[in-house]
Amino acid sequence: RHEPDVGELNYPYLFQLLDTLGYDGWIGCEYKPA
């Protein structure tokens, strides 16, 4: 539960997917700094 670039998830890919699907809402950064 640290920064999104720490760990097993490829967030840039998921962000691009949200863009492709037309999501225009907010993304909350609910993580604990490392």
Full PDB file with SEQRES, HELIX, SHEET, SSBOND, CRYST1, ORIGX, SCALE, CONECT and MASTER records, all heavy atoms in Angstrom:
SEQRES   1 A   34  ARG HIS GLU PRO ASP VAL GLY GLU LEU ASN TYR PRO TYR          
SEQRES   2 A   34  LEU PHE GLN LEU LEU ASP THR LEU GLY TYR ASP GLY TRP          
SEQRES   3 A   34  ILE GLY CYS GLU TYR LYS PRO ALA                              
HELIX    1 AA1 TYR A   11  THR A   20  1                                  10    
CRYST1    1.000    1.000    1.000  90.00  90.00  90.00 P 1           1          
ORIGX1      1.000000  0.000000  0.000000        0.00000                         
ORIGX2      0.000000  1.000000  0.000000        0.00000                         
ORIGX3      0.000000  0.000000  1.000000        0.00000                         
SCALE1      1.000000  0.000000  0.000000        0.00000                         
SCALE2      0.000000  1.000000  0.000000        0.00000                         
SCALE3      0.000000  0.000000  1.000000        0.00000                         
ATOM      1  N   ARG A   1       0.815  -1.212   0.000  1.00  0.00           N  
ATOM      2  CA  ARG A   1       0.000   0.000   0.000  1.00  0.00           C  
ATOM      3  C   ARG A   1       0.849   1.262   0.000  1.00  0.00           C  
ATOM      4  O   ARG A   1       0.494   2.277   0.605  1.00  0.00           O  
ATOM      5  CB  ARG A   1      -1.000   0.022   1.157  1.00  0.00           C  
ATOM      6  CG  ARG A   1      -2.230   0.876   0.852  1.00  0.00           C  
ATOM      7  CD  ARG A   1      -3.311   0.756   1.894  1.00  0.00           C  
ATOM      8  NE  ARG A   1      -4.547   1.371   1.416  1.00  0.00           N  
ATOM      9  CZ  ARG A   1      -5.705   1.342   2.046  1.00  0.00           C  
ATOM     10  NH1 ARG A   1      -5.803   0.724   3.213  1.00  0.00           N  
ATOM     11  NH2 ARG A   1      -6.777   1.919   1.544  1.00  0.00           N  
ATOM     12  N   HIS A   2       1.978   1.201  -0.717  1.00  0.00           N  
ATOM     13  CA  HIS A   2       2.820   2.377  -0.891  1.00  0.00           C  
ATOM     14  C   HIS A   2       2.488   3.056  -2.224  1.00  0.00           C  
ATOM     15  O   HIS A   2       1.407   2.864  -2.772  1.00  0.00           O  
ATOM     16  CB  HIS A   2       4.295   1.979  -0.824  1.00  0.00           C  
ATOM     17  CG  HIS A   2       4.728   1.481   0.521  1.00  0.00           C  
ATOM     18  ND1 HIS A   2       4.249   2.016   1.706  1.00  0.00           N  
ATOM     19  CD2 HIS A   2       5.607   0.497   0.879  1.00  0.00           C  
ATOM     20  CE1 HIS A   2       4.824   1.386   2.725  1.00  0.00           C  
ATOM     21  NE2 HIS A   2       5.631   0.468   2.252  1.00  0.00           N  
ATOM     22  N   GLU A   3       3.421   3.861  -2.718  1.00  0.00           N  
ATOM     23  CA  GLU A   3       3.213   4.577  -3.970  1.00  0.00           C  
ATOM     24  C   GLU A   3       2.806   3.615  -5.086  1.00  0.00           C  
ATOM     25  O   GLU A   3       3.201   2.438  -5.081  1.00  0.00           O  
ATOM     26  CB  GLU A   3       4.493   5.322  -4.364  1.00  0.00           C  
ATOM     27  CG  GLU A   3       4.782   6.572  -3.554  1.00  0.00           C  
ATOM     28  CD  GLU A   3       5.433   6.323  -2.204  1.00  0.00           C  
ATOM     29  OE1 GLU A   3       5.597   5.144  -1.823  1.00  0.00           O  
ATOM     30  OE2 GLU A   3       5.781   7.303  -1.523  1.00  0.00           O  
ATOM     31  N   PRO A   4       2.043   4.088  -6.070  1.00  0.00           N  
ATOM     32  CA  PRO A   4       1.564   3.192  -7.123  1.00  0.00           C  
ATOM     33  C   PRO A   4       2.668   2.599  -7.991  1.00  0.00           C  
ATOM     34  O   PRO A   4       2.424   1.596  -8.676  1.00  0.00           O  
ATOM     35  CB  PRO A   4       0.645   4.082  -7.972  1.00  0.00           C  
ATOM     36  CG  PRO A   4       0.480   5.339  -7.254  1.00  0.00           C  
ATOM     37  CD  PRO A   4       1.459   5.418  -6.160  1.00  0.00           C  
ATOM     38  N   ASP A   5       3.861   3.190  -7.988  1.00  0.00           N  
ATOM     39  CA  ASP A   5       4.957   2.610  -8.775  1.00  0.00           C  
ATOM     40  C   ASP A   5       5.787   1.634  -7.948  1.00  0.00           C  
ATOM     41  O   ASP A   5       6.832   1.159  -8.395  1.00  0.00           O  
ATOM     42  CB  ASP A   5       5.847   3.702  -9.371  1.00  0.00           C  
ATOM     43  CG  ASP A   5       6.461   4.620  -8.322  1.00  0.00           C  
ATOM     44  OD1 ASP A   5       6.022   4.589  -7.156  1.00  0.00           O  
ATOM     45  OD2 ASP A   5       7.372   5.393  -8.686  1.00  0.00           O  
ATOM     46  N   VAL A   6       5.321   1.293  -6.746  1.00  0.00           N  
ATOM     47  CA  VAL A   6       5.990   0.311  -5.898  1.00  0.00           C  
ATOM     48  C   VAL A   6       5.076  -0.907  -5.787  1.00  0.00           C  
ATOM     49  O   VAL A   6       3.955  -0.805  -5.286  1.00  0.00           O  
ATOM     50  CB  VAL A   6       6.281   0.877  -4.494  1.00  0.00           C  
ATOM     51  CG1 VAL A   6       6.918  -0.192  -3.613  1.00  0.00           C  
ATOM     52  CG2 VAL A   6       7.168   2.108  -4.580  1.00  0.00           C  
ATOM     53  N   GLY A   7       5.529  -2.057  -6.279  1.00  0.00           N  
ATOM     54  CA  GLY A   7       4.708  -3.252  -6.136  1.00  0.00           C  
ATOM     55  C   GLY A   7       4.402  -3.912  -7.459  1.00  0.00           C  
ATOM     56  O   GLY A   7       5.047  -3.671  -8.477  1.00  0.00           O  
ATOM     57  N   GLU A   8       3.374  -4.718  -7.459  1.00  0.00           N  
ATOM     58  CA  GLU A   8       3.131  -5.653  -8.548  1.00  0.00           C  
ATOM     59  C   GLU A   8       2.224  -5.130  -9.659  1.00  0.00           C  
ATOM     60  O   GLU A   8       2.021  -5.822 -10.665  1.00  0.00           O  
ATOM     61  CB  GLU A   8       2.528  -6.942  -7.984  1.00  0.00           C  
ATOM     62  CG  GLU A   8       1.132  -6.769  -7.390  1.00  0.00           C  
ATOM     63  CD  GLU A   8       0.707  -7.956  -6.527  1.00  0.00           C  
ATOM     64  OE1 GLU A   8       1.542  -8.460  -5.756  1.00  0.00           O  
ATOM     65  OE2 GLU A   8      -0.459  -8.362  -6.631  1.00  0.00           O  
ATOM     66  N   LEU A   9       1.666  -3.934  -9.512  1.00  0.00           N  
ATOM     67  CA  LEU A   9       0.700  -3.438 -10.485  1.00  0.00           C  
ATOM     68  C   LEU A   9       1.333  -2.492 -11.497  1.00  0.00           C  
ATOM     69  O   LEU A   9       2.192  -1.682 -11.150  1.00  0.00           O  
ATOM     70  CB  LEU A   9      -0.452  -2.723  -9.773  1.00  0.00           C  
ATOM     71  CG  LEU A   9      -1.358  -3.614  -8.924  1.00  0.00           C  
ATOM     72  CD1 LEU A   9      -2.447  -2.791  -8.251  1.00  0.00           C  
ATOM     73  CD2 LEU A   9      -1.979  -4.713  -9.773  1.00  0.00           C  
ATOM     74  N   ASN A  10       0.860  -2.575 -12.734  1.00  0.00           N  
ATOM     75  CA  ASN A  10       1.304  -1.700 -13.815  1.00  0.00           C  
ATOM     76  C   ASN A  10       0.283  -0.569 -13.954  1.00  0.00           C  
ATOM     77  O   ASN A  10      -0.595  -0.604 -14.823  1.00  0.00           O  
ATOM     78  CB  ASN A  10       1.438  -2.497 -15.111  1.00  0.00           C  
ATOM     79  CG  ASN A  10       1.938  -1.651 -16.263  1.00  0.00           C  
ATOM     80  OD1 ASN A  10       2.185  -0.460 -16.124  1.00  0.00           O  
ATOM     81  ND2 ASN A  10       2.082  -2.263 -17.427  1.00  0.00           N  
ATOM     82  N   TYR A  11       0.398   0.435 -13.086  1.00  0.00           N  
ATOM     83  CA  TYR A  11      -0.596   1.492 -13.086  1.00  0.00           C  
ATOM     84  C   TYR A  11      -0.607   2.339 -14.361  1.00  0.00           C  
ATOM     85  O   TYR A  11      -1.690   2.748 -14.805  1.00  0.00           O  
ATOM     86  CB  TYR A  11      -0.446   2.373 -11.850  1.00  0.00           C  
ATOM     87  CG  TYR A  11      -1.246   1.867 -10.672  1.00  0.00           C  
ATOM     88  CD1 TYR A  11      -0.628   1.374  -9.529  1.00  0.00           C  
ATOM     89  CD2 TYR A  11      -2.646   1.873 -10.702  1.00  0.00           C  
ATOM     90  CE1 TYR A  11      -1.368   0.907  -8.451  1.00  0.00           C  
ATOM     91  CE2 TYR A  11      -3.391   1.410  -9.631  1.00  0.00           C  
ATOM     92  CZ  TYR A  11      -2.751   0.928  -8.508  1.00  0.00           C  
ATOM     93  OH  TYR A  11      -3.492   0.465  -7.450  1.00  0.00           O  
ATOM     94  N   PRO A  12       0.541   2.648 -14.969  1.00  0.00           N  
ATOM     95  CA  PRO A  12       0.445   3.394 -16.238  1.00  0.00           C  
ATOM     96  C   PRO A  12      -0.467   2.727 -17.260  1.00  0.00           C  
ATOM     97  O   PRO A  12      -1.236   3.401 -17.956  1.00  0.00           O  
ATOM     98  CB  PRO A  12       1.899   3.460 -16.707  1.00  0.00           C  
ATOM     99  CG  PRO A  12       2.692   3.433 -15.447  1.00  0.00           C  
ATOM    100  CD  PRO A  12       1.943   2.498 -14.529  1.00  0.00           C  
ATOM    101  N   TYR A  13      -0.398   1.405 -17.342  1.00  0.00           N  
ATOM    102  CA  TYR A  13      -1.296   0.679 -18.248  1.00  0.00           C  
ATOM    103  C   TYR A  13      -2.760   0.884 -17.846  1.00  0.00           C  
ATOM    104  O   TYR A  13      -3.636   1.117 -18.701  1.00  0.00           O  
ATOM    105  CB  TYR A  13      -0.947  -0.810 -18.234  1.00  0.00           C  
ATOM    106  CG  TYR A  13      -1.927  -1.681 -18.985  1.00  0.00           C  
ATOM    107  CD1 TYR A  13      -1.865  -1.800 -20.369  1.00  0.00           C  
ATOM    108  CD2 TYR A  13      -2.929  -2.368 -18.309  1.00  0.00           C  
ATOM    109  CE1 TYR A  13      -2.773  -2.591 -21.063  1.00  0.00           C  
ATOM    110  CE2 TYR A  13      -3.840  -3.162 -18.985  1.00  0.00           C  
ATOM    111  CZ  TYR A  13      -3.762  -3.269 -20.371  1.00  0.00           C  
ATOM    112  OH  TYR A  13      -4.665  -4.039 -21.043  1.00  0.00           O  
ATOM    113  N   LEU A  14      -3.043   0.797 -16.541  1.00  0.00           N  
ATOM    114  CA  LEU A  14      -4.416   0.947 -16.075  1.00  0.00           C  
ATOM    115  C   LEU A  14      -4.917   2.375 -16.260  1.00  0.00           C  
ATOM    116  O   LEU A  14      -6.092   2.592 -16.612  1.00  0.00           O  
ATOM    117  CB  LEU A  14      -4.518   0.526 -14.608  1.00  0.00           C  
ATOM    118  CG  LEU A  14      -4.199  -0.950 -14.333  1.00  0.00           C  
ATOM    119  CD1 LEU A  14      -4.216  -1.230 -12.829  1.00  0.00           C  
ATOM    120  CD2 LEU A  14      -5.185  -1.875 -15.048  1.00  0.00           C  
ATOM    121  N   PHE A  15      -4.041   3.366 -16.050  1.00  0.00           N  
ATOM    122  CA  PHE A  15      -4.448   4.752 -16.291  1.00  0.00           C  
ATOM    123  C   PHE A  15      -4.796   4.969 -17.765  1.00  0.00           C  
ATOM    124  O   PHE A  15      -5.783   5.644 -18.092  1.00  0.00           O  
ATOM    125  CB  PHE A  15      -3.339   5.716 -15.879  1.00  0.00           C  
ATOM    126  CG  PHE A  15      -3.003   5.697 -14.406  1.00  0.00           C  
ATOM    127  CD1 PHE A  15      -1.744   6.088 -13.964  1.00  0.00           C  
ATOM    128  CD2 PHE A  15      -3.929   5.287 -13.458  1.00  0.00           C  
ATOM    129  CE1 PHE A  15      -1.419   6.083 -12.617  1.00  0.00           C  
ATOM    130  CE2 PHE A  15      -3.611   5.274 -12.103  1.00  0.00           C  
ATOM    131  CZ  PHE A  15      -2.353   5.668 -11.688  1.00  0.00           C  
ATOM    132  N   GLN A  16      -3.989   4.410 -18.641  1.00  0.00           N  
ATOM    133  CA  GLN A  16      -4.263   4.537 -20.074  1.00  0.00           C  
ATOM    134  C   GLN A  16      -5.573   3.838 -20.434  1.00  0.00           C  
ATOM    135  O   GLN A  16      -6.343   4.318 -21.279  1.00  0.00           O  
ATOM    136  CB  GLN A  16      -3.106   3.974 -20.878  1.00  0.00           C  
ATOM    137  CG  GLN A  16      -1.846   4.820 -20.795  1.00  0.00           C  
ATOM    138  CD  GLN A  16      -0.620   4.149 -21.392  1.00  0.00           C  
ATOM    139  OE1 GLN A  16      -0.680   2.993 -21.804  1.00  0.00           O  
ATOM    140  NE2 GLN A  16       0.487   4.869 -21.405  1.00  0.00           N  
ATOM    141  N   LEU A  17      -5.858   2.707 -19.774  1.00  0.00           N  
ATOM    142  CA  LEU A  17      -7.110   2.010 -20.011  1.00  0.00           C  
ATOM    143  C   LEU A  17      -8.297   2.869 -19.586  1.00  0.00           C  
ATOM    144  O   LEU A  17      -9.310   2.959 -20.309  1.00  0.00           O  
ATOM    145  CB  LEU A  17      -7.123   0.682 -19.247  1.00  0.00           C  
ATOM    146  CG  LEU A  17      -8.424  -0.120 -19.301  1.00  0.00           C  
ATOM    147  CD1 LEU A  17      -8.776  -0.506 -20.733  1.00  0.00           C  
ATOM    148  CD2 LEU A  17      -8.320  -1.364 -18.419  1.00  0.00           C  
ATOM    149  N   LEU A  18      -8.201   3.512 -18.444  1.00  0.00           N  
ATOM    150  CA  LEU A  18      -9.275   4.391 -17.991  1.00  0.00           C  
ATOM    151  C   LEU A  18      -9.507   5.524 -18.989  1.00  0.00           C  
ATOM    152  O   LEU A  18     -10.655   5.894 -19.279  1.00  0.00           O  
ATOM    153  CB  LEU A  18      -8.953   4.955 -16.606  1.00  0.00           C  
ATOM    154  CG  LEU A  18      -8.975   3.959 -15.445  1.00  0.00           C  
ATOM    155  CD1 LEU A  18      -8.504   4.617 -14.161  1.00  0.00           C  
ATOM    156  CD2 LEU A  18     -10.365   3.375 -15.254  1.00  0.00           C  
ATOM    157  N   ASP A  19      -8.413   6.071 -19.525  1.00  0.00           N  
ATOM    158  CA  ASP A  19      -8.541   7.095 -20.559  1.00  0.00           C  
ATOM    159  C   ASP A  19      -9.252   6.554 -21.792  1.00  0.00           C  
ATOM    160  O   ASP A  19     -10.154   7.182 -22.345  1.00  0.00           O  
ATOM    161  CB  ASP A  19      -7.157   7.611 -20.957  1.00  0.00           C  
ATOM    162  CG  ASP A  19      -6.783   8.907 -20.252  1.00  0.00           C  
ATOM    163  OD1 ASP A  19      -7.602   9.401 -19.455  1.00  0.00           O  
ATOM    164  OD2 ASP A  19      -5.680   9.409 -20.493  1.00  0.00           O  
ATOM    165  N   THR A  20      -8.846   5.381 -22.208  1.00  0.00           N  
ATOM    166  CA  THR A  20      -9.437   4.772 -23.407  1.00  0.00           C  
ATOM    167  C   THR A  20     -10.936   4.545 -23.236  1.00  0.00           C  
ATOM    168  O   THR A  20     -11.717   4.723 -24.179  1.00  0.00           O  
ATOM    169  CB  THR A  20      -8.742   3.436 -23.719  1.00  0.00           C  
ATOM    170  OG1 THR A  20      -7.358   3.665 -23.961  1.00  0.00           O  
ATOM    171  CG2 THR A  20      -9.359   2.765 -24.941  1.00  0.00           C  
ATOM    172  N   LEU A  21     -11.338   4.192 -22.024  1.00  0.00           N  
ATOM    173  CA  LEU A  21     -12.747   3.933 -21.744  1.00  0.00           C  
ATOM    174  C   LEU A  21     -13.543   5.199 -21.437  1.00  0.00           C  
ATOM    175  O   LEU A  21     -14.751   5.135 -21.188  1.00  0.00           O  
ATOM    176  CB  LEU A  21     -12.878   2.941 -20.585  1.00  0.00           C  
ATOM    177  CG  LEU A  21     -12.339   1.522 -20.862  1.00  0.00           C  
ATOM    178  CD1 LEU A  21     -12.391   0.675 -19.607  1.00  0.00           C  
ATOM    179  CD2 LEU A  21     -13.132   0.855 -21.986  1.00  0.00           C  
ATOM    180  N   GLY A  22     -12.858   6.346 -21.432  1.00  0.00           N  
ATOM    181  CA  GLY A  22     -13.545   7.616 -21.271  1.00  0.00           C  
ATOM    182  C   GLY A  22     -13.836   8.028 -19.848  1.00  0.00           C  
ATOM    183  O   GLY A  22     -14.682   8.900 -19.611  1.00  0.00           O  
ATOM    184  N   TYR A  23     -13.111   7.452 -18.872  1.00  0.00           N  
ATOM    185  CA  TYR A  23     -13.340   7.850 -17.488  1.00  0.00           C  
ATOM    186  C   TYR A  23     -12.798   9.259 -17.270  1.00  0.00           C  
ATOM    187  O   TYR A  23     -11.621   9.542 -17.525  1.00  0.00           O  
ATOM    188  CB  TYR A  23     -12.639   6.878 -16.530  1.00  0.00           C  
ATOM    189  CG  TYR A  23     -12.805   7.259 -15.077  1.00  0.00           C  
ATOM    190  CD1 TYR A  23     -14.040   7.145 -14.451  1.00  0.00           C  
ATOM    191  CD2 TYR A  23     -11.732   7.735 -14.328  1.00  0.00           C  
ATOM    192  CE1 TYR A  23     -14.210   7.492 -13.117  1.00  0.00           C  
ATOM    193  CE2 TYR A  23     -11.883   8.073 -12.994  1.00  0.00           C  
ATOM    194  CZ  TYR A  23     -13.124   7.955 -12.394  1.00  0.00           C  
ATOM    195  OH  TYR A  23     -13.285   8.312 -11.070  1.00  0.00           O  
ATOM    196  N   ASP A  24     -13.659  10.160 -16.798  1.00  0.00           N  
ATOM    197  CA  ASP A  24     -13.235  11.542 -16.576  1.00  0.00           C  
ATOM    198  C   ASP A  24     -13.401  11.964 -15.124  1.00  0.00           C  
ATOM    199  O   ASP A  24     -13.389  13.153 -14.799  1.00  0.00           O  
ATOM    200  CB  ASP A  24     -14.007  12.494 -17.489  1.00  0.00           C  
ATOM    201  CG  ASP A  24     -15.519  12.459 -17.247  1.00  0.00           C  
ATOM    202  OD1 ASP A  24     -15.971  11.647 -16.403  1.00  0.00           O  
ATOM    203  OD2 ASP A  24     -16.243  13.244 -17.892  1.00  0.00           O  
ATOM    204  N   GLY A  25     -13.582  10.988 -14.227  1.00  0.00           N  
ATOM    205  CA  GLY A  25     -13.707  11.289 -12.805  1.00  0.00           C  
ATOM    206  C   GLY A  25     -12.352  11.382 -12.131  1.00  0.00           C  
ATOM    207  O   GLY A  25     -11.307  11.472 -12.782  1.00  0.00           O  
ATOM    208  N   TRP A  26     -12.382  11.333 -10.817  1.00  0.00           N  
ATOM    209  CA  TRP A  26     -11.163  11.467 -10.023  1.00  0.00           C  
ATOM    210  C   TRP A  26     -10.618  10.103  -9.621  1.00  0.00           C  
ATOM    211  O   TRP A  26     -11.356   9.127  -9.500  1.00  0.00           O  
ATOM    212  CB  TRP A  26     -11.438  12.300  -8.776  1.00  0.00           C  
ATOM    213  CG  TRP A  26     -11.753  13.720  -9.100  1.00  0.00           C  
ATOM    214  CD1 TRP A  26     -13.001  14.282  -9.235  1.00  0.00           C  
ATOM    215  CD2 TRP A  26     -10.818  14.763  -9.363  1.00  0.00           C  
ATOM    216  NE1 TRP A  26     -12.883  15.600  -9.558  1.00  0.00           N  
ATOM    217  CE2 TRP A  26     -11.564  15.938  -9.646  1.00  0.00           C  
ATOM    218  CE3 TRP A  26      -9.421  14.832  -9.385  1.00  0.00           C  
ATOM    219  CZ2 TRP A  26     -10.962  17.157  -9.940  1.00  0.00           C  
ATOM    220  CZ3 TRP A  26      -8.814  16.042  -9.679  1.00  0.00           C  
ATOM    221  CH2 TRP A  26      -9.575  17.193  -9.952  1.00  0.00           C  
ATOM    222  N   ILE A  27      -9.312  10.064  -9.393  1.00  0.00           N  
ATOM    223  CA  ILE A  27      -8.620   8.884  -8.880  1.00  0.00           C  
ATOM    224  C   ILE A  27      -7.978   9.282  -7.555  1.00  0.00           C  
ATOM    225  O   ILE A  27      -7.084  10.136  -7.522  1.00  0.00           O  
ATOM    226  CB  ILE A  27      -7.549   8.382  -9.863  1.00  0.00           C  
ATOM    227  CG1 ILE A  27      -8.186   8.002 -11.212  1.00  0.00           C  
ATOM    228  CG2 ILE A  27      -6.791   7.193  -9.268  1.00  0.00           C  
ATOM    229  CD1 ILE A  27      -7.173   7.648 -12.292  1.00  0.00           C  
ATOM    230  N   GLY A  28      -8.449   8.699  -6.476  1.00  0.00           N  
ATOM    231  CA  GLY A  28      -7.922   9.045  -5.163  1.00  0.00           C  
ATOM    232  C   GLY A  28      -6.625   8.319  -4.862  1.00  0.00           C  
ATOM    233  O   GLY A  28      -6.527   7.106  -5.044  1.00  0.00           O  
ATOM    234  N   CYS A  29      -5.640   9.060  -4.405  1.00  0.00           N  
ATOM    235  CA  CYS A  29      -4.326   8.496  -4.081  1.00  0.00           C  
ATOM    236  C   CYS A  29      -4.324   8.135  -2.600  1.00  0.00           C  
ATOM    237  O   CYS A  29      -3.865   8.895  -1.733  1.00  0.00           O  
ATOM    238  CB  CYS A  29      -3.226   9.503  -4.404  1.00  0.00           C  
ATOM    239  SG  CYS A  29      -3.223  10.010  -6.140  1.00  0.00           S  
ATOM    240  N   GLU A  30      -4.841   6.955  -2.302  1.00  0.00           N  
ATOM    241  CA  GLU A  30      -5.017   6.514  -0.925  1.00  0.00           C  
ATOM    242  C   GLU A  30      -3.935   5.494  -0.585  1.00  0.00           C  
ATOM    243  O   GLU A  30      -4.192   4.302  -0.460  1.00  0.00           O  
ATOM    244  CB  GLU A  30      -6.417   5.917  -0.731  1.00  0.00           C  
ATOM    245  CG  GLU A  30      -6.763   5.718   0.751  1.00  0.00           C  
ATOM    246  CD  GLU A  30      -8.120   5.069   0.956  1.00  0.00           C  
ATOM    247  OE1 GLU A  30      -8.445   4.118   0.224  1.00  0.00           O  
ATOM    248  OE2 GLU A  30      -8.852   5.501   1.857  1.00  0.00           O  
ATOM    249  N   TYR A  31      -2.720   5.985  -0.449  1.00  0.00           N  
ATOM    250  CA  TYR A  31      -1.608   5.095  -0.151  1.00  0.00           C  
ATOM    251  C   TYR A  31      -0.735   5.688   0.944  1.00  0.00           C  
ATOM    252  O   TYR A  31      -0.812   6.884   1.259  1.00  0.00           O  
ATOM    253  CB  TYR A  31      -0.779   4.824  -1.412  1.00  0.00           C  
ATOM    254  CG  TYR A  31      -0.095   6.031  -2.021  1.00  0.00           C  
ATOM    255  CD1 TYR A  31       1.124   6.506  -1.535  1.00  0.00           C  
ATOM    256  CD2 TYR A  31      -0.648   6.695  -3.116  1.00  0.00           C  
ATOM    257  CE1 TYR A  31       1.769   7.600  -2.098  1.00  0.00           C  
ATOM    258  CE2 TYR A  31      -0.017   7.785  -3.697  1.00  0.00           C  
ATOM    259  CZ  TYR A  31       1.190   8.235  -3.181  1.00  0.00           C  
ATOM    260  OH  TYR A  31       1.816   9.325  -3.746  1.00  0.00           O  
ATOM    261  N   LYS A  32       0.110   4.827   1.528  1.00  0.00           N  
ATOM    262  CA  LYS A  32       1.019   5.231   2.594  1.00  0.00           C  
ATOM    263  C   LYS A  32       2.399   5.448   1.992  1.00  0.00           C  
ATOM    264  O   LYS A  32       2.972   4.513   1.418  1.00  0.00           O  
ATOM    265  CB  LYS A  32       1.083   4.140   3.673  1.00  0.00           C  
ATOM    266  CG  LYS A  32      -0.248   3.831   4.333  1.00  0.00           C  
ATOM    267  CD  LYS A  32      -0.123   2.711   5.345  1.00  0.00           C  
ATOM    268  CE  LYS A  32       0.146   1.372   4.667  1.00  0.00           C  
ATOM    269  NZ  LYS A  32       0.131   0.238   5.628  1.00  0.00           N  
ATOM    270  N   PRO A  33       2.948   6.638   2.082  1.00  0.00           N  
ATOM    271  CA  PRO A  33       4.288   6.856   1.537  1.00  0.00           C  
ATOM    272  C   PRO A  33       5.281   5.828   2.076  1.00  0.00           C  
ATOM    273  O   PRO A  33       5.264   5.486   3.266  1.00  0.00           O  
ATOM    274  CB  PRO A  33       4.637   8.274   2.012  1.00  0.00           C  
ATOM    275  CG  PRO A  33       3.303   8.939   2.184  1.00  0.00           C  
ATOM    276  CD  PRO A  33       2.387   7.863   2.674  1.00  0.00           C  
ATOM    277  N   ALA A  34       6.135   5.337   1.203  1.00  0.00           N  
ATOM    278  CA  ALA A  34       7.084   4.297   1.595  1.00  0.00           C  
ATOM    279  C   ALA A  34       8.018   4.774   2.704  1.00  0.00           C  
ATOM    280  O   ALA A  34       8.484   3.961   3.507  1.00  0.00           O  
ATOM    281  CB  ALA A  34       7.890   3.840   0.383  1.00  0.00           C  
TER     282      ALA A  34                                                      
MASTER        0    0    0    1    0    0    0    6  281    1    0    3          
END                                                                             
